[in-house]
N, C-alpha and C. Protein backbone atom coordinates (compact mmCIF):
# COMPACT_ATOMS: atom_id res chain seq x y z
N MET A 1 0.84 -1.18 0.00
CA MET A 1 0.00 0.00 0.00
C MET A 1 0.88 1.24 0.00
N PRO A 2 0.47 2.26 -0.72
CA PRO A 2 1.27 3.48 -0.75
C PRO A 2 1.27 4.18 0.60
N GLU A 3 2.37 4.82 0.90
CA GLU A 3 2.46 5.59 2.13
C GLU A 3 1.77 6.93 1.92
N VAL A 4 1.49 7.61 3.03
CA VAL A 4 0.89 8.94 2.93
C VAL A 4 1.82 9.82 2.12
N GLY A 5 1.27 10.52 1.16
CA GLY A 5 2.08 11.36 0.29
C GLY A 5 2.66 10.58 -0.87
N GLY A 6 2.39 9.28 -0.94
CA GLY A 6 2.88 8.44 -2.03
C GLY A 6 2.01 8.61 -3.27
N ASP A 7 2.18 7.72 -4.20
CA ASP A 7 1.44 7.76 -5.45
C ASP A 7 0.05 7.14 -5.25
N GLU A 8 -0.86 7.90 -4.71
CA GLU A 8 -2.21 7.43 -4.43
C GLU A 8 -3.09 7.61 -5.66
N ARG A 9 -3.66 6.52 -6.16
CA ARG A 9 -4.47 6.57 -7.36
C ARG A 9 -5.96 6.54 -7.07
N ARG A 10 -6.35 6.37 -5.85
CA ARG A 10 -7.78 6.27 -5.53
C ARG A 10 -8.47 7.61 -5.71
N ARG A 11 -9.72 7.54 -6.16
CA ARG A 11 -10.50 8.76 -6.40
C ARG A 11 -11.10 9.33 -5.12
N SER A 12 -11.36 8.46 -4.15
CA SER A 12 -11.92 8.93 -2.89
C SER A 12 -11.15 8.30 -1.73
N PRO A 13 -11.03 9.02 -0.62
CA PRO A 13 -10.28 8.49 0.51
C PRO A 13 -10.94 7.24 1.06
N ARG A 14 -10.12 6.37 1.62
CA ARG A 14 -10.65 5.14 2.20
C ARG A 14 -10.49 5.18 3.70
N ALA A 15 -11.32 4.40 4.37
CA ALA A 15 -11.27 4.32 5.83
C ALA A 15 -11.12 2.86 6.22
N LYS A 16 -10.25 2.59 7.17
CA LYS A 16 -10.12 1.25 7.71
C LYS A 16 -11.42 0.98 8.47
N LEU A 17 -12.22 0.10 7.95
CA LEU A 17 -13.51 -0.16 8.56
C LEU A 17 -13.81 -1.65 8.49
N ASP A 18 -14.05 -2.23 9.64
CA ASP A 18 -14.35 -3.65 9.76
C ASP A 18 -15.86 -3.79 9.93
N GLN A 19 -16.54 -4.07 8.83
CA GLN A 19 -17.99 -4.24 8.89
C GLN A 19 -18.39 -5.44 8.04
N PRO A 20 -19.50 -6.08 8.35
CA PRO A 20 -19.91 -7.23 7.55
C PRO A 20 -20.34 -6.81 6.15
N VAL A 21 -20.00 -7.63 5.18
CA VAL A 21 -20.43 -7.42 3.80
C VAL A 21 -20.88 -8.77 3.24
N ARG A 22 -22.06 -8.76 2.65
CA ARG A 22 -22.54 -9.96 1.97
C ARG A 22 -22.26 -9.77 0.49
N VAL A 23 -21.58 -10.74 -0.11
CA VAL A 23 -21.17 -10.65 -1.51
C VAL A 23 -21.67 -11.88 -2.26
N ARG A 24 -22.20 -11.63 -3.47
CA ARG A 24 -22.59 -12.74 -4.33
C ARG A 24 -22.27 -12.37 -5.77
N PRO A 25 -21.79 -13.33 -6.55
CA PRO A 25 -21.57 -13.06 -7.96
C PRO A 25 -22.89 -12.70 -8.64
N ALA A 26 -22.89 -11.69 -9.48
CA ALA A 26 -24.11 -11.22 -10.12
C ALA A 26 -24.55 -12.14 -11.25
N ASP A 27 -23.62 -12.87 -11.83
CA ASP A 27 -23.93 -13.62 -13.05
C ASP A 27 -23.84 -15.14 -12.91
N SER A 28 -23.91 -15.66 -11.70
CA SER A 28 -23.80 -17.11 -11.56
C SER A 28 -24.51 -17.59 -10.31
N GLU A 29 -24.53 -18.87 -10.15
CA GLU A 29 -25.16 -19.50 -8.99
C GLU A 29 -24.14 -19.81 -7.90
N ARG A 30 -22.99 -19.20 -7.95
CA ARG A 30 -21.98 -19.44 -6.90
C ARG A 30 -22.54 -18.99 -5.56
N PRO A 31 -22.03 -19.56 -4.48
CA PRO A 31 -22.61 -19.27 -3.18
C PRO A 31 -22.40 -17.82 -2.72
N VAL A 32 -23.34 -17.38 -1.92
CA VAL A 32 -23.25 -16.08 -1.26
C VAL A 32 -22.29 -16.24 -0.09
N GLU A 33 -21.47 -15.23 0.15
CA GLU A 33 -20.60 -15.30 1.33
C GLU A 33 -20.68 -14.01 2.11
N VAL A 34 -20.51 -14.13 3.41
CA VAL A 34 -20.46 -12.97 4.30
C VAL A 34 -19.05 -12.89 4.85
N GLN A 35 -18.40 -11.77 4.60
CA GLN A 35 -17.04 -11.52 5.06
C GLN A 35 -17.02 -10.20 5.82
N ARG A 36 -15.83 -9.75 6.18
CA ARG A 36 -15.66 -8.46 6.85
C ARG A 36 -14.80 -7.57 5.95
N THR A 37 -15.19 -6.32 5.84
CA THR A 37 -14.38 -5.39 5.05
C THR A 37 -13.10 -5.07 5.81
N ARG A 38 -12.06 -4.76 5.06
CA ARG A 38 -10.81 -4.24 5.64
C ARG A 38 -10.80 -2.72 5.53
N ASP A 39 -11.29 -2.22 4.40
CA ASP A 39 -11.45 -0.78 4.24
C ASP A 39 -12.57 -0.50 3.25
N VAL A 40 -13.12 0.71 3.35
CA VAL A 40 -14.21 1.13 2.47
C VAL A 40 -13.99 2.58 2.06
N SER A 41 -14.62 2.95 0.96
CA SER A 41 -14.64 4.34 0.51
C SER A 41 -15.99 4.58 -0.13
N ARG A 42 -16.21 5.77 -0.62
CA ARG A 42 -17.48 6.06 -1.31
C ARG A 42 -17.61 5.22 -2.57
N SER A 43 -16.48 4.88 -3.16
CA SER A 43 -16.52 4.21 -4.45
C SER A 43 -16.26 2.71 -4.40
N GLY A 44 -16.01 2.14 -3.22
CA GLY A 44 -15.78 0.71 -3.18
C GLY A 44 -15.38 0.19 -1.82
N PHE A 45 -14.93 -1.07 -1.81
CA PHE A 45 -14.52 -1.71 -0.56
C PHE A 45 -13.53 -2.83 -0.87
N TYR A 46 -12.87 -3.30 0.19
CA TYR A 46 -11.85 -4.35 0.09
C TYR A 46 -12.14 -5.37 1.18
N PHE A 47 -12.11 -6.65 0.81
CA PHE A 47 -12.34 -7.71 1.78
C PHE A 47 -11.43 -8.89 1.49
N VAL A 48 -11.32 -9.78 2.45
CA VAL A 48 -10.47 -10.97 2.32
C VAL A 48 -11.36 -12.20 2.28
N THR A 49 -11.02 -13.12 1.39
CA THR A 49 -11.81 -14.34 1.24
C THR A 49 -10.91 -15.54 0.98
N GLY A 50 -11.44 -16.71 1.24
CA GLY A 50 -10.76 -17.95 0.90
C GLY A 50 -11.27 -18.51 -0.42
N SER A 51 -12.29 -17.89 -0.99
CA SER A 51 -12.86 -18.35 -2.26
C SER A 51 -11.95 -17.97 -3.42
N GLY A 52 -11.85 -18.87 -4.37
CA GLY A 52 -11.00 -18.61 -5.53
C GLY A 52 -11.77 -18.31 -6.79
N HIS A 53 -13.07 -18.04 -6.69
CA HIS A 53 -13.86 -17.85 -7.91
C HIS A 53 -13.95 -16.40 -8.39
N TYR A 54 -13.33 -15.47 -7.69
CA TYR A 54 -13.37 -14.08 -8.13
C TYR A 54 -12.36 -13.85 -9.25
N TYR A 55 -12.69 -12.95 -10.17
CA TYR A 55 -11.77 -12.59 -11.26
C TYR A 55 -11.97 -11.11 -11.59
N ILE A 56 -10.95 -10.50 -12.17
CA ILE A 56 -11.00 -9.09 -12.55
C ILE A 56 -12.13 -8.89 -13.55
N GLY A 57 -12.95 -7.88 -13.31
CA GLY A 57 -14.07 -7.58 -14.18
C GLY A 57 -15.37 -8.27 -13.79
N MET A 58 -15.29 -9.17 -12.83
CA MET A 58 -16.48 -9.89 -12.38
C MET A 58 -17.45 -8.92 -11.71
N ARG A 59 -18.73 -9.04 -12.05
CA ARG A 59 -19.77 -8.24 -11.41
C ARG A 59 -20.22 -8.97 -10.15
N ALA A 60 -20.39 -8.22 -9.08
CA ALA A 60 -20.80 -8.80 -7.82
C ALA A 60 -21.83 -7.89 -7.16
N CYS A 61 -22.80 -8.49 -6.50
CA CYS A 61 -23.79 -7.75 -5.73
C CYS A 61 -23.36 -7.78 -4.27
N ALA A 62 -23.41 -6.64 -3.60
CA ALA A 62 -22.92 -6.57 -2.23
C ALA A 62 -23.87 -5.78 -1.35
N VAL A 63 -23.93 -6.18 -0.09
CA VAL A 63 -24.67 -5.45 0.93
C VAL A 63 -23.66 -5.07 2.00
N LEU A 64 -23.27 -3.80 2.03
CA LEU A 64 -22.35 -3.32 3.06
C LEU A 64 -23.12 -3.09 4.35
N GLY A 65 -22.49 -3.41 5.47
CA GLY A 65 -23.16 -3.28 6.75
C GLY A 65 -24.25 -4.33 6.91
N TYR A 66 -24.01 -5.50 6.35
CA TYR A 66 -25.01 -6.57 6.31
C TYR A 66 -25.46 -7.00 7.70
N LYS A 67 -26.78 -7.10 7.86
CA LYS A 67 -27.41 -7.63 9.08
C LYS A 67 -28.48 -8.60 8.62
N PRO A 68 -28.34 -9.89 8.91
CA PRO A 68 -29.30 -10.87 8.40
C PRO A 68 -30.74 -10.60 8.83
N GLU A 69 -30.93 -9.94 9.96
CA GLU A 69 -32.28 -9.68 10.45
C GLU A 69 -32.93 -8.46 9.80
N ASP A 70 -32.17 -7.70 9.01
CA ASP A 70 -32.68 -6.49 8.37
C ASP A 70 -33.59 -6.86 7.19
N PRO A 71 -34.87 -6.49 7.23
CA PRO A 71 -35.77 -6.85 6.14
C PRO A 71 -35.60 -5.96 4.90
N PHE A 72 -34.83 -4.89 5.02
CA PHE A 72 -34.67 -3.94 3.92
C PHE A 72 -33.23 -3.93 3.40
N LEU A 73 -32.73 -5.09 3.03
CA LEU A 73 -31.36 -5.17 2.52
C LEU A 73 -31.28 -4.46 1.17
N ARG A 74 -30.25 -3.65 1.02
CA ARG A 74 -30.08 -2.91 -0.23
C ARG A 74 -28.76 -3.32 -0.87
N GLU A 75 -28.86 -3.99 -1.99
CA GLU A 75 -27.67 -4.44 -2.69
C GLU A 75 -27.12 -3.34 -3.60
N SER A 76 -25.82 -3.31 -3.70
CA SER A 76 -25.13 -2.45 -4.65
C SER A 76 -24.46 -3.35 -5.68
N LEU A 77 -24.38 -2.89 -6.90
CA LEU A 77 -23.68 -3.63 -7.93
C LEU A 77 -22.24 -3.15 -7.99
N GLY A 78 -21.32 -4.09 -7.95
CA GLY A 78 -19.91 -3.75 -7.98
C GLY A 78 -19.16 -4.54 -9.03
N GLU A 79 -17.90 -4.17 -9.23
CA GLU A 79 -17.02 -4.85 -10.18
C GLU A 79 -15.68 -5.09 -9.49
N VAL A 80 -15.18 -6.32 -9.58
CA VAL A 80 -13.88 -6.65 -9.01
C VAL A 80 -12.81 -5.96 -9.84
N VAL A 81 -12.00 -5.12 -9.19
CA VAL A 81 -10.98 -4.35 -9.91
C VAL A 81 -9.55 -4.78 -9.54
N ARG A 82 -9.39 -5.49 -8.42
CA ARG A 82 -8.05 -5.93 -8.03
C ARG A 82 -8.17 -7.17 -7.17
N ILE A 83 -7.23 -8.09 -7.36
CA ILE A 83 -7.15 -9.30 -6.54
C ILE A 83 -5.71 -9.43 -6.08
N GLU A 84 -5.51 -9.58 -4.78
CA GLU A 84 -4.17 -9.76 -4.22
C GLU A 84 -4.10 -11.12 -3.55
N LYS A 85 -3.11 -11.91 -3.92
CA LYS A 85 -2.91 -13.19 -3.25
C LYS A 85 -2.18 -12.91 -1.94
N LEU A 86 -2.85 -13.16 -0.83
CA LEU A 86 -2.30 -12.86 0.49
C LEU A 86 -1.58 -14.05 1.09
N SER A 87 -2.08 -15.24 0.80
CA SER A 87 -1.44 -16.48 1.24
C SER A 87 -1.92 -17.58 0.28
N ALA A 88 -1.53 -18.81 0.55
CA ALA A 88 -1.97 -19.90 -0.30
C ALA A 88 -3.49 -20.07 -0.26
N GLU A 89 -4.10 -19.67 0.86
CA GLU A 89 -5.54 -19.87 1.03
C GLU A 89 -6.39 -18.61 0.89
N THR A 90 -5.80 -17.43 0.99
CA THR A 90 -6.60 -16.21 1.02
C THR A 90 -6.22 -15.22 -0.07
N ARG A 91 -7.24 -14.44 -0.45
CA ARG A 91 -7.05 -13.39 -1.43
C ARG A 91 -7.76 -12.13 -0.95
N GLY A 92 -7.17 -10.99 -1.25
CA GLY A 92 -7.81 -9.71 -0.98
C GLY A 92 -8.51 -9.27 -2.24
N ILE A 93 -9.77 -8.88 -2.12
CA ILE A 93 -10.59 -8.51 -3.27
C ILE A 93 -11.00 -7.05 -3.15
N ALA A 94 -10.68 -6.25 -4.15
CA ALA A 94 -11.10 -4.86 -4.20
C ALA A 94 -12.26 -4.75 -5.16
N VAL A 95 -13.34 -4.15 -4.70
CA VAL A 95 -14.56 -4.02 -5.48
C VAL A 95 -14.90 -2.54 -5.63
N ARG A 96 -15.12 -2.12 -6.87
CA ARG A 96 -15.56 -0.74 -7.15
C ARG A 96 -17.07 -0.78 -7.30
N ILE A 97 -17.78 0.10 -6.59
CA ILE A 97 -19.23 0.18 -6.69
C ILE A 97 -19.59 0.85 -8.00
N VAL A 98 -20.42 0.17 -8.78
CA VAL A 98 -20.85 0.67 -10.08
C VAL A 98 -22.22 1.34 -9.98
N MET A 99 -23.11 0.74 -9.18
CA MET A 99 -24.46 1.27 -9.03
C MET A 99 -24.97 0.94 -7.63
N ARG A 100 -25.52 1.94 -6.98
CA ARG A 100 -26.07 1.75 -5.63
C ARG A 100 -27.55 1.43 -5.70
């Protein structure tokens, strides 16, 4: 990650925020997963997963601040823009929100 004052390419500032996010691929029957965000911004979020089915350009539906008991879940449409291999089992996924 760039240091403060480094070559920051993000359009909006991000905040380290640990909140639940429900993510599902928009174009397939792959399973829905609930993870925790590492950081969020107005334009997207980053989370860590053990799933290997994400790919750059993949459309995903997400509910930030997910609460299973909430009857008014509002999904946002996002696009996977970056994948980082963190270990043999985990990947960091950056998602840009396309439509709220």
